Amino acid sequence: MVPIENSTLMKTRCPNCQTRLHVTPEQLHARGGKVRCGICHTVFSANDYAENPNAPAQPQAARPHRYREESPPGYLEDEPYVDERRAGRQHQRIYQDEPFIEDSRDYDEGYDAIRHDDYDDEVYYREYRRARRRGGVFWLFVVLILLVALLWQGAVVFRNQLVHYFPATRLVITQVCAIAQCELGGTRSISQFSLENVSLKVRSDVPPQPSHTALLLQARLVNKENRVAEWPALVLSLKDERGQVDRRRIIKVEEYLPAAMRVQPMAALSQYPIVLRLNLAGAMATGFELTPYYEE
């Protein structure tokens, strides 16, 4: 075995194709003395096939798959011709994984890191598809949120129009207004109501008291027009002998109408019977008047 010096190149020969190679000491140390042939890609130990530059050429070993005639004694076959420039170009273009020193012009660390990394392409593709799927779900969620916000804003802005043209949506719009702190408008015209069969009587089932009087109010509230309207409050005015208003009592919607019916407006061309028990201070008046009323 020929000793290797740090300042010289070592010559070795590929045992498969007999190509002569030049190897630096750094390349030997990097791969434990093993090199790869740039022509046939055979990996072999450079030290085992090292050549002495002063020794005569050795006869080429016969390949088992080729027929060769026996050479006369003392005759050495010519070495196979190798175009060193072409082999060098192939070596530079393809075999970047050969052991080069870092300051060599043939060494490309960036190319070697990208071309010969250990990352699995299939793993990368799965992660890429998983990231795309997560991104698609995220944007779908964003679109749904924006759509809900748009519907919510439309319900708040056009709440009166929706209730007018689609009365069945009043319950939903009322709940939306309760959350958004908006008021649901509607028809607020006193003239579209009338009170019929109004009567005010002293209750006989309650003992008379000098400080107050127990009364029973009965009436029928009528919506005369063909449109829904908000339930009105009622004003009960008690009059004295001269016809002057002596006392006035405002009856709110909550007092004469159940909670389940307050959610919906009063239907068009409808009637509702009112039966209400009242306690008024003082004695019974000589006259009274009951009128619909909207609070400001």
C-alpha atoms as a PDB file:
ATOM      1  CA  MET A   1       0.000   0.000   0.000  1.00  0.00           C
ATOM      2  CA  VAL A   2       1.373   3.384  -0.975  1.00  0.00           C
ATOM      3  CA  PRO A   3       1.658   5.854   1.917  1.00  0.00           C
ATOM      4  CA  ILE A   4      -0.543   8.967   1.582  1.00  0.00           C
ATOM      5  CA  GLU A   5       0.800  12.431   2.200  1.00  0.00           C
ATOM      6  CA  ASN A   6      -1.416  15.419   2.983  1.00  0.00           C
ATOM      7  CA  SER A   7       0.026  17.524   0.172  1.00  0.00           C
ATOM      8  CA  THR A   8      -0.319  14.954  -2.619  1.00  0.00           C
ATOM      9  CA  LEU A   9      -3.166  13.237  -4.435  1.00  0.00           C
ATOM     10  CA  MET A  10      -3.538   9.518  -4.212  1.00  0.00           C
ATOM     11  CA  LYS A  11      -4.101   7.529  -7.391  1.00  0.00           C
ATOM     12  CA  THR A  12      -6.382   4.552  -7.253  1.00  0.00           C
ATOM     13  CA  ARG A  13      -8.160   2.408  -9.795  1.00  0.00           C
ATOM     14  CA  CYS A  14     -11.778   1.250  -9.874  1.00  0.00           C
ATOM     15  CA  PRO A  15     -11.849  -2.580  -9.613  1.00  0.00           C
ATOM     16  CA  ASN A  16     -14.938  -2.758 -11.829  1.00  0.00           C
ATOM     17  CA  CYS A  17     -14.254  -0.500 -14.830  1.00  0.00           C
ATOM     18  CA  GLN A  18     -10.519   0.118 -14.246  1.00  0.00           C
ATOM     19  CA  THR A  19     -10.976   3.894 -14.271  1.00  0.00           C
ATOM     20  CA  ARG A  20      -8.108   5.773 -12.667  1.00  0.00           C
ATOM     21  CA  LEU A  21      -9.183   8.180  -9.942  1.00  0.00           C
ATOM     22  CA  HIS A  22      -7.406  10.894  -7.966  1.00  0.00           C
ATOM     23  CA  VAL A  23      -8.332  11.118  -4.307  1.00  0.00           C
ATOM     24  CA  THR A  24      -7.323  13.710  -1.717  1.00  0.00           C
ATOM     25  CA  PRO A  25      -6.508  12.786   1.896  1.00  0.00           C
ATOM     26  CA  GLU A  26      -9.524  14.772   3.078  1.00  0.00           C
ATOM     27  CA  GLN A  27     -11.805  12.618   0.955  1.00  0.00           C
ATOM     28  CA  LEU A  28     -10.288   9.459   2.387  1.00  0.00           C
ATOM     29  CA  HIS A  29     -10.747  10.639   5.946  1.00  0.00           C
ATOM     30  CA  ALA A  30     -14.350  11.791   5.312  1.00  0.00           C
ATOM     31  CA  ARG A  31     -15.523   8.368   4.110  1.00  0.00           C
ATOM     32  CA  GLY A  32     -13.237   6.074   5.995  1.00  0.00           C
ATOM     33  CA  GLY A  33     -11.064   5.434   2.927  1.00  0.00           C
ATOM     34  CA  LYS A  34     -14.001   4.526   0.649  1.00  0.00           C
ATOM     35  CA  VAL A  35     -14.665   6.321  -2.638  1.00  0.00           C
ATOM     36  CA  ARG A  36     -17.202   6.000  -5.430  1.00  0.00           C
ATOM     37  CA  CYS A  37     -16.292   5.646  -9.060  1.00  0.00           C
ATOM     38  CA  GLY A  38     -17.619   8.491 -11.176  1.00  0.00           C
ATOM     39  CA  ILE A  39     -18.215   6.197 -14.156  1.00  0.00           C
ATOM     40  CA  CYS A  40     -19.790   2.968 -12.888  1.00  0.00           C
ATOM     41  CA  HIS A  41     -20.734   4.174  -9.360  1.00  0.00           C
ATOM     42  CA  THR A  42     -18.865   1.335  -7.675  1.00  0.00           C
ATOM     43  CA  VAL A  43     -17.918   2.021  -4.058  1.00  0.00           C
ATOM     44  CA  PHE A  44     -14.551   0.554  -3.045  1.00  0.00           C
ATOM     45  CA  SER A  45     -11.645   1.101  -0.694  1.00  0.00           C
ATOM     46  CA  ALA A  46      -9.124   3.464  -2.258  1.00  0.00           C
ATOM     47  CA  ASN A  47      -6.269   2.066  -0.200  1.00  0.00           C
ATOM     48  CA  ASP A  48      -6.871  -1.481  -1.435  1.00  0.00           C
ATOM     49  CA  TYR A  49      -6.600  -0.410  -5.086  1.00  0.00           C
ATOM     50  CA  ALA A  50      -4.006   2.331  -4.759  1.00  0.00           C
ATOM     51  CA  GLU A  51      -1.471   2.699  -7.593  1.00  0.00           C
ATOM     52  CA  ASN A  52       2.182   3.533  -7.571  1.00  0.00           C
ATOM     53  CA  PRO A  53       2.760   6.220 -10.188  1.00  0.00           C
ATOM     54  CA  ASN A  54       6.236   4.802 -10.980  1.00  0.00           C
ATOM     55  CA  ALA A  55       5.042   1.200 -11.326  1.00  0.00           C
ATOM     56  CA  PRO A  56       4.206  -0.223 -14.774  1.00  0.00           C
ATOM     57  CA  ALA A  57       0.581  -0.612 -15.649  1.00  0.00           C
ATOM     58  CA  GLN A  58      -1.025  -3.832 -14.510  1.00  0.00           C
ATOM     59  CA  PRO A  59      -2.918  -6.015 -16.942  1.00  0.00           C
ATOM     60  CA  GLN A  60      -6.653  -5.398 -16.934  1.00  0.00           C
ATOM     61  CA  ALA A  61      -8.665  -8.109 -15.242  1.00  0.00           C
ATOM     62  CA  ALA A  62     -11.005  -9.977 -17.497  1.00  0.00           C
ATOM     63  CA  ARG A  63     -14.696  -9.369 -16.885  1.00  0.00           C
ATOM     64  CA  PRO A  64     -16.724 -12.526 -16.355  1.00  0.00           C
ATOM     65  CA  HIS A  65     -19.473 -11.443 -18.759  1.00  0.00           C
ATOM     66  CA  ARG A  66     -17.131 -10.708 -21.709  1.00  0.00           C
ATOM     67  CA  TYR A  67     -15.062 -13.015 -23.835  1.00  0.00           C
ATOM     68  CA  ARG A  68     -11.427 -11.982 -24.137  1.00  0.00           C
ATOM     69  CA  GLU A  69      -8.713 -13.740 -26.035  1.00  0.00           C
ATOM     70  CA  GLU A  70      -5.679 -14.655 -24.059  1.00  0.00           C
ATOM     71  CA  SER A  71      -2.871 -12.187 -24.526  1.00  0.00           C
ATOM     72  CA  PRO A  72       0.620 -13.378 -25.430  1.00  0.00           C
ATOM     73  CA  PRO A  73       3.063 -13.572 -22.571  1.00  0.00           C
ATOM     74  CA  GLY A  74       4.455 -10.209 -21.610  1.00  0.00           C
ATOM     75  CA  TYR A  75       1.719  -8.332 -23.506  1.00  0.00           C
ATOM     76  CA  LEU A  76      -0.171  -5.728 -21.547  1.00  0.00           C
ATOM     77  CA  GLU A  77      -3.516  -4.506 -22.790  1.00  0.00           C
ATOM     78  CA  ASP A  78      -4.008  -0.825 -23.288  1.00  0.00           C
ATOM     79  CA  GLU A  79      -5.837   0.948 -20.568  1.00  0.00           C
ATOM     80  CA  PRO A  80      -9.408   1.871 -21.451  1.00  0.00           C
ATOM     81  CA  TYR A  81      -9.656   5.390 -22.782  1.00  0.00           C
ATOM     82  CA  VAL A  82     -11.594   7.709 -20.551  1.00  0.00           C
ATOM     83  CA  ASP A  83     -12.452  11.250 -21.568  1.00  0.00           C
ATOM     84  CA  GLU A  84     -11.469  13.034 -18.391  1.00  0.00           C
ATOM     85  CA  ARG A  85     -13.306  16.239 -19.333  1.00  0.00           C
ATOM     86  CA  ARG A  86     -16.548  14.385 -19.992  1.00  0.00           C
ATOM     87  CA  ALA A  87     -16.164  12.297 -16.853  1.00  0.00           C
ATOM     88  CA  GLY A  88     -15.462  15.456 -14.901  1.00  0.00           C
ATOM     89  CA  ARG A  89     -18.626  17.128 -16.220  1.00  0.00           C
ATOM     90  CA  GLN A  90     -20.751  14.095 -15.355  1.00  0.00           C
ATOM     91  CA  HIS A  91     -19.146  13.955 -11.944  1.00  0.00           C
ATOM     92  CA  GLN A  92     -19.830  17.635 -11.356  1.00  0.00           C
ATOM     93  CA  ARG A  93     -23.437  17.477 -12.572  1.00  0.00           C
ATOM     94  CA  ILE A  94     -24.665  14.278 -10.918  1.00  0.00           C
ATOM     95  CA  TYR A  95     -22.412  13.008  -8.195  1.00  0.00           C
ATOM     96  CA  GLN A  96     -22.449  15.856  -5.759  1.00  0.00           C
ATOM     97  CA  ASP A  97     -22.436  13.336  -2.933  1.00  0.00           C
ATOM     98  CA  GLU A  98     -18.784  12.459  -3.622  1.00  0.00           C
ATOM     99  CA  PRO A  99     -16.393  13.528  -0.806  1.00  0.00           C
ATOM    100  CA  PHE A 100     -15.097  16.999  -1.699  1.00  0.00           C
ATOM    101  CA  ILE A 101     -13.302  19.404   0.535  1.00  0.00           C
ATOM    102  CA  GLU A 102     -15.227  22.587   1.337  1.00  0.00           C
ATOM    103  CA  ASP A 103     -12.842  25.003  -0.365  1.00  0.00           C
ATOM    104  CA  SER A 104     -12.959  23.069  -3.637  1.00  0.00           C
ATOM    105  CA  ARG A 105     -14.720  24.711  -6.603  1.00  0.00           C
ATOM    106  CA  ASP A 106     -16.660  21.457  -7.182  1.00  0.00           C
ATOM    107  CA  TYR A 107     -18.210  21.482  -3.720  1.00  0.00           C
ATOM    108  CA  ASP A 108     -21.700  22.973  -3.449  1.00  0.00           C
ATOM    109  CA  GLU A 109     -22.900  22.757   0.139  1.00  0.00           C
ATOM    110  CA  GLY A 110     -26.332  24.254  -0.600  1.00  0.00           C
ATOM    111  CA  TYR A 111     -26.987  21.847  -3.472  1.00  0.00           C
ATOM    112  CA  ASP A 112     -25.765  18.917  -1.440  1.00  0.00           C
ATOM    113  CA  ALA A 113     -28.075  19.832   1.467  1.00  0.00           C
ATOM    114  CA  ILE A 114     -31.124  20.131  -0.805  1.00  0.00           C
ATOM    115  CA  ARG A 115     -30.425  17.273  -3.224  1.00  0.00           C
ATOM    116  CA  HIS A 116     -29.411  14.695  -0.653  1.00  0.00           C
ATOM    117  CA  ASP A 117     -31.367  15.539   2.472  1.00  0.00           C
ATOM    118  CA  ASP A 118     -33.081  12.831   4.466  1.00  0.00           C
ATOM    119  CA  TYR A 119     -36.589  14.383   4.293  1.00  0.00           C
ATOM    120  CA  ASP A 120     -39.263  12.109   2.911  1.00  0.00           C
ATOM    121  CA  ASP A 121     -41.228  13.659   0.045  1.00  0.00           C
ATOM    122  CA  GLU A 122     -44.336  11.682   0.971  1.00  0.00           C
ATOM    123  CA  VAL A 123     -44.237  13.061   4.513  1.00  0.00           C
ATOM    124  CA  TYR A 124     -43.864  16.568   3.123  1.00  0.00           C
ATOM    125  CA  TYR A 125     -46.815  16.040   0.786  1.00  0.00           C
ATOM    126  CA  ARG A 126     -49.014  14.765   3.618  1.00  0.00           C
ATOM    127  CA  GLU A 127     -48.101  17.726   5.804  1.00  0.00           C
ATOM    128  CA  TYR A 128     -48.790  20.069   2.899  1.00  0.00           C
ATOM    129  CA  ARG A 129     -52.249  18.571   2.330  1.00  0.00           C
ATOM    130  CA  ARG A 130     -52.953  18.701   6.069  1.00  0.00           C
ATOM    131  CA  ALA A 131     -51.980  22.376   6.181  1.00  0.00           C
ATOM    132  CA  ARG A 132     -54.168  23.112   3.160  1.00  0.00           C
ATOM    133  CA  ARG A 133     -57.080  21.308   4.813  1.00  0.00           C
ATOM    134  CA  ARG A 134     -56.645  23.288   8.030  1.00  0.00           C
ATOM    135  CA  GLY A 135     -56.497  26.509   6.060  1.00  0.00           C
ATOM    136  CA  GLY A 136     -59.690  25.618   4.185  1.00  0.00           C
ATOM    137  CA  VAL A 137     -61.570  24.888   7.406  1.00  0.00           C
ATOM    138  CA  PHE A 138     -60.358  28.159   8.911  1.00  0.00           C
ATOM    139  CA  TRP A 139     -61.557  30.264   5.987  1.00  0.00           C
ATOM    140  CA  LEU A 140     -64.874  28.400   5.903  1.00  0.00           C
ATOM    141  CA  PHE A 141     -65.346  29.250   9.576  1.00  0.00           C
ATOM    142  CA  VAL A 142     -64.533  32.915   8.870  1.00  0.00           C
ATOM    143  CA  VAL A 143     -67.047  33.041   6.002  1.00  0.00           C
ATOM    144  CA  LEU A 144     -69.770  31.532   8.192  1.00  0.00           C
ATOM    145  CA  ILE A 145     -69.119  34.099  10.922  1.00  0.00           C
ATOM    146  CA  LEU A 146     -69.299  36.947   8.406  1.00  0.00           C
ATOM    147  CA  LEU A 147     -72.519  35.538   6.956  1.00  0.00           C
ATOM    148  CA  VAL A 148     -74.145  35.332  10.396  1.00  0.00           C
ATOM    149  CA  ALA A 149     -73.022  38.895  11.165  1.00  0.00           C
ATOM    150  CA  LEU A 150     -74.504  40.086   7.867  1.00  0.00           C
ATOM    151  CA  LEU A 151     -77.843  38.398   8.580  1.00  0.00           C
ATOM    152  CA  TRP A 152     -77.866  39.836  12.095  1.00  0.00           C
ATOM    153  CA  GLN A 153     -77.224  43.358  10.825  1.00  0.00           C
ATOM    154  CA  GLY A 154     -79.916  42.998   8.165  1.00  0.00           C
ATOM    155  CA  ALA A 155     -82.430  41.835  10.760  1.00  0.00           C
ATOM    156  CA  VAL A 156     -81.666  44.869  12.946  1.00  0.00           C
ATOM    157  CA  VAL A 157     -81.689  47.459  10.162  1.00  0.00           C
ATOM    158  CA  PHE A 158     -84.776  46.159   8.329  1.00  0.00           C
ATOM    159  CA  ARG A 159     -86.645  44.892  11.388  1.00  0.00           C
ATOM    160  CA  ASN A 160     -89.769  46.968  10.801  1.00  0.00           C
ATOM    161  CA  GLN A 161     -90.026  45.981   7.137  1.00  0.00           C
ATOM    162  CA  LEU A 162     -89.580  42.304   7.984  1.00  0.00           C
ATOM    163  CA  VAL A 163     -92.313  42.396  10.601  1.00  0.00           C
ATOM    164  CA  HIS A 164     -94.641  44.299   8.273  1.00  0.00           C
ATOM    165  CA  TYR A 165     -94.299  41.954   5.288  1.00  0.00           C
ATOM    166  CA  PHE A 166     -93.603  38.766   7.247  1.00  0.00           C
ATOM    167  CA  PRO A 167     -95.579  38.878  10.533  1.00  0.00           C
ATOM    168  CA  ALA A 168     -94.378  35.383  11.477  1.00  0.00           C
ATOM    169  CA  THR A 169     -90.871  36.790  12.012  1.00  0.00           C
ATOM    170  CA  ARG A 170     -91.975  39.158  14.754  1.00  0.00           C
ATOM    171  CA  LEU A 171     -91.051  36.765  17.566  1.00  0.00           C
ATOM    172  CA  VAL A 172     -87.507  36.315  16.215  1.00  0.00           C
ATOM    173  CA  ILE A 173     -87.086  40.034  15.524  1.00  0.00           C
ATOM    174  CA  THR A 174     -88.299  40.832  19.036  1.00  0.00           C
ATOM    175  CA  GLN A 175     -85.611  38.564  20.510  1.00  0.00           C
ATOM    176  CA  VAL A 176     -82.997  40.138  18.239  1.00  0.00           C
ATOM    177  CA  CYS A 177     -84.006  43.612  19.394  1.00  0.00           C
ATOM    178  CA  ALA A 178     -83.829  42.506  23.019  1.00  0.00           C
ATOM    179  CA  ILE A 179     -80.181  41.503  22.499  1.00  0.00           C
ATOM    180  CA  ALA A 180     -79.237  44.396  20.198  1.00  0.00           C
ATOM    181  CA  GLN A 181     -81.100  46.900  22.404  1.00  0.00           C
ATOM    182  CA  CYS A 182     -83.202  48.244  19.554  1.00  0.00           C
ATOM    183  CA  GLU A 183     -86.895  49.081  19.429  1.00  0.00           C
ATOM    184  CA  LEU A 184     -89.289  47.282  17.151  1.00  0.00           C
ATOM    185  CA  GLY A 185     -91.473  49.862  15.504  1.00  0.00           C
ATOM    186  CA  GLY A 186     -94.991  49.291  14.327  1.00  0.00           C
ATOM    187  CA  THR A 187     -98.316  50.949  13.847  1.00  0.00           C
ATOM    188  CA  ARG A 188     -99.017  53.264  16.770  1.00  0.00           C
ATOM    189  CA  SER A 189    -102.261  54.913  15.757  1.00  0.00           C
ATOM    190  CA  ILE A 190    -104.918  55.414  18.424  1.00  0.00           C
ATOM    191  CA  SER A 191    -107.546  55.947  15.760  1.00  0.00           C
ATOM    192  CA  GLN A 192    -107.409  52.329  14.597  1.00  0.00           C
ATOM    193  CA  PHE A 193    -108.724  51.091  17.979  1.00  0.00           C
ATOM    194  CA  SER A 194    -112.135  51.202  19.506  1.00  0.00           C
ATOM    195  CA  LEU A 195    -113.460  50.095  22.891  1.00  0.00           C
ATOM    196  CA  GLU A 196    -116.868  48.464  22.915  1.00  0.00           C
ATOM    197  CA  ASN A 197    -119.183  47.171  25.654  1.00  0.00           C
ATOM    198  CA  VAL A 198    -117.298  49.069  28.332  1.00  0.00           C
ATOM    199  CA  SER A 199    -118.601  48.653  31.876  1.00  0.00           C
ATOM    200  CA  LEU A 200    -117.281  49.574  35.326  1.00  0.00           C
ATOM    201  CA  LYS A 201    -118.972  48.015  38.354  1.00  0.00           C
ATOM    202  CA  VAL A 202    -118.343  47.800  42.067  1.00  0.00           C
ATOM    203  CA  ARG A 203    -117.368  44.315  43.037  1.00  0.00           C
ATOM    204  CA  SER A 204    -119.968  42.666  45.207  1.00  0.00           C
ATOM    205  CA  ASP A 205    -117.670  39.933  46.419  1.00  0.00           C
ATOM    206  CA  VAL A 206    -115.406  42.438  48.206  1.00  0.00           C
ATOM    207  CA  PRO A 207    -116.605  44.235  51.366  1.00  0.00           C
ATOM    208  CA  PRO A 208    -116.761  48.022  50.906  1.00  0.00           C
ATOM    209  CA  GLN A 209    -113.943  50.041  52.412  1.00  0.00           C
ATOM    210  CA  PRO A 210    -114.002  53.783  53.112  1.00  0.00           C
ATOM    211  CA  SER A 211    -110.427  54.259  51.847  1.00  0.00           C
ATOM    212  CA  HIS A 212    -110.736  52.489  48.495  1.00  0.00           C
ATOM    213  CA  THR A 213    -113.224  50.877  46.158  1.00  0.00           C
ATOM    214  CA  ALA A 214    -112.910  47.474  44.463  1.00  0.00           C
ATOM    215  CA  LEU A 215    -114.061  47.688  40.833  1.00  0.00           C
ATOM    216  CA  LEU A 216    -114.513  45.289  37.911  1.00  0.00           C
ATOM    217  CA  LEU A 217    -113.682  46.696  34.468  1.00  0.00           C
ATOM    218  CA  GLN A 218    -114.962  44.943  31.348  1.00  0.00           C
ATOM    219  CA  ALA A 219    -114.489  45.969  27.720  1.00  0.00           C
ATOM    220  CA  ARG A 220    -113.719  44.695  24.243  1.00  0.00           C
ATOM    221  CA  LEU A 221    -110.684  46.113  22.435  1.00  0.00           C
ATOM    222  CA  VAL A 222    -111.167  46.174  18.640  1.00  0.00           C
ATOM    223  CA  ASN A 223    -108.558  46.688  15.914  1.00  0.00           C
ATOM    224  CA  LYS A 224    -110.590  48.269  13.123  1.00  0.00           C
ATOM    225  CA  GLU A 225    -107.928  48.367  10.422  1.00  0.00           C
ATOM    226  CA  ASN A 226    -106.427  45.666   8.245  1.00  0.00           C
ATOM    227  CA  ARG A 227    -102.941  45.906   9.724  1.00  0.00           C
ATOM    228  CA  VAL A 228    -101.245  44.699  12.849  1.00  0.00           C
ATOM    229  CA  ALA A 229    -100.627  47.144  15.663  1.00  0.00           C
ATOM    230  CA  GLU A 230     -98.882  47.335  18.977  1.00  0.00           C
ATOM    231  CA  TRP A 231    -101.033  46.701  21.983  1.00  0.00           C
ATOM    232  CA  PRO A 232    -102.077  50.036  23.500  1.00  0.00           C
ATOM    233  CA  ALA A 233    -102.269  51.007  27.114  1.00  0.00           C
ATOM    234  CA  LEU A 234    -105.636  52.137  28.526  1.00  0.00           C
ATOM    235  CA  VAL A 235    -106.584  55.275  30.434  1.00  0.00           C
ATOM    236  CA  LEU A 236    -109.474  55.078  32.889  1.00  0.00           C
ATOM    237  CA  SER A 237    -110.750  58.548  33.793  1.00  0.00           C
ATOM    238  CA  LEU A 238    -113.219  58.934  36.714  1.00  0.00           C
ATOM    239  CA  LYS A 239    -115.509  61.980  36.628  1.00  0.00           C
ATOM    240  CA  ASP A 240    -117.498  63.832  39.290  1.00  0.00           C
ATOM    241  CA  GLU A 241    -121.086  65.172  39.143  1.00  0.00           C
ATOM    242  CA  ARG A 242    -120.033  68.108  36.972  1.00  0.00           C
ATOM    243  CA  GLY A 243    -118.324  65.833  34.395  1.00  0.00           C
ATOM    244  CA  GLN A 244    -114.840  66.911  35.374  1.00  0.00           C
ATOM    245  CA  VAL A 245    -112.074  64.350  35.608  1.00  0.00           C
ATOM    246  CA  ASP A 246    -111.563  63.594  39.261  1.00  0.00           C
ATOM    247  CA  ARG A 247    -109.077  60.756  39.072  1.00  0.00           C
ATOM    248  CA  ARG A 248    -107.155  59.041  36.298  1.00  0.00           C
ATOM    249  CA  ARG A 249    -105.701  55.533  36.207  1.00  0.00           C
ATOM    250  CA  ILE A 250    -103.297  54.329  33.444  1.00  0.00           C
ATOM    251  CA  ILE A 251    -103.682  50.621  32.774  1.00  0.00           C
ATOM    252  CA  LYS A 252    -100.534  49.174  31.210  1.00  0.00           C
ATOM    253  CA  VAL A 253    -100.508  46.355  28.677  1.00  0.00           C
ATOM    254  CA  GLU A 254     -98.964  44.028  31.266  1.00  0.00           C
ATOM    255  CA  GLU A 255    -102.049  44.427  33.469  1.00  0.00           C
ATOM    256  CA  TYR A 256    -104.720  43.252  31.036  1.00  0.00           C
ATOM    257  CA  LEU A 257    -102.770  41.093  28.559  1.00  0.00           C
ATOM    258  CA  PRO A 258    -101.011  37.758  29.308  1.00  0.00           C
ATOM    259  CA  ALA A 259     -97.268  37.550  28.700  1.00  0.00           C
ATOM    260  CA  ALA A 260     -97.655  34.953  25.938  1.00  0.00           C
ATOM    261  CA  MET A 261     -99.798  37.342  23.889  1.00  0.00           C
ATOM    262  CA  ARG A 262     -97.564  40.373  24.393  1.00  0.00           C
ATOM    263  CA  VAL A 263     -94.905  38.832  22.159  1.00  0.00           C
ATOM    264  CA  GLN A 264     -97.176  39.142  19.119  1.00  0.00           C
ATOM    265  CA  PRO A 265     -98.872  42.376  18.027  1.00  0.00           C
ATOM    266  CA  MET A 266    -102.606  42.702  17.862  1.00  0.00           C
ATOM    267  CA  ALA A 267    -103.755  41.071  14.658  1.00  0.00           C
ATOM    268  CA  ALA A 268    -105.546  43.046  11.976  1.00  0.00           C
ATOM    269  CA  LEU A 269    -109.361  43.223  12.264  1.00  0.00           C
ATOM    270  CA  SER A 270    -109.287  41.380  15.581  1.00  0.00           C
ATOM    271  CA  GLN A 271    -110.922  41.753  18.998  1.00  0.00           C
ATOM    272  CA  TYR A 272    -109.778  41.065  22.524  1.00  0.00           C
ATOM    273  CA  PRO A 273    -111.977  40.945  25.654  1.00  0.00           C
ATOM    274  CA  ILE A 274    -110.692  42.793  28.709  1.00  0.00           C
ATOM    275  CA  VAL A 275    -111.645  41.768  32.232  1.00  0.00           C
ATOM    276  CA  LEU A 276    -109.701  43.590  34.918  1.00  0.00           C
ATOM    277  CA  ARG A 277    -110.098  43.938  38.702  1.00  0.00           C
ATOM    278  CA  LEU A 278    -109.080  47.325  40.076  1.00  0.00           C
ATOM    279  CA  ASN A 279    -108.737  49.022  43.449  1.00  0.00           C
ATOM    280  CA  LEU A 280    -109.243  52.800  43.337  1.00  0.00           C
ATOM    281  CA  ALA A 281    -108.706  55.195  46.200  1.00  0.00           C
ATOM    282  CA  GLY A 282    -111.817  56.933  47.493  1.00  0.00           C
ATOM    283  CA  ALA A 283    -115.467  56.374  46.704  1.00  0.00           C
ATOM    284  CA  MET A 284    -117.022  55.392  43.419  1.00  0.00           C
ATOM    285  CA  ALA A 285    -117.286  58.192  40.881  1.00  0.00           C
ATOM    286  CA  THR A 286    -120.478  59.159  39.081  1.00  0.00           C
ATOM    287  CA  GLY A 287    -118.974  58.776  35.610  1.00  0.00           C
ATOM    288  CA  PHE A 288    -115.971  57.308  33.790  1.00  0.00           C
ATOM    289  CA  GLU A 289    -114.251  57.107  30.401  1.00  0.00           C
ATOM    290  CA  LEU A 290    -111.919  54.434  28.968  1.00  0.00           C
ATOM    291  CA  THR A 291    -109.636  55.304  26.053  1.00  0.00           C
ATOM    292  CA  PRO A 292    -106.613  53.661  24.342  1.00  0.00           C
ATOM    293  CA  TYR A 293    -103.260  55.268  24.961  1.00  0.00           C
ATOM    294  CA  TYR A 294     -99.614  54.971  23.790  1.00  0.00           C
ATOM    295  CA  GLU A 295     -96.838  56.001  26.109  1.00  0.00           C
ATOM    296  CA  GLU A 296     -94.190  58.252  24.595  1.00  0.00           C
END
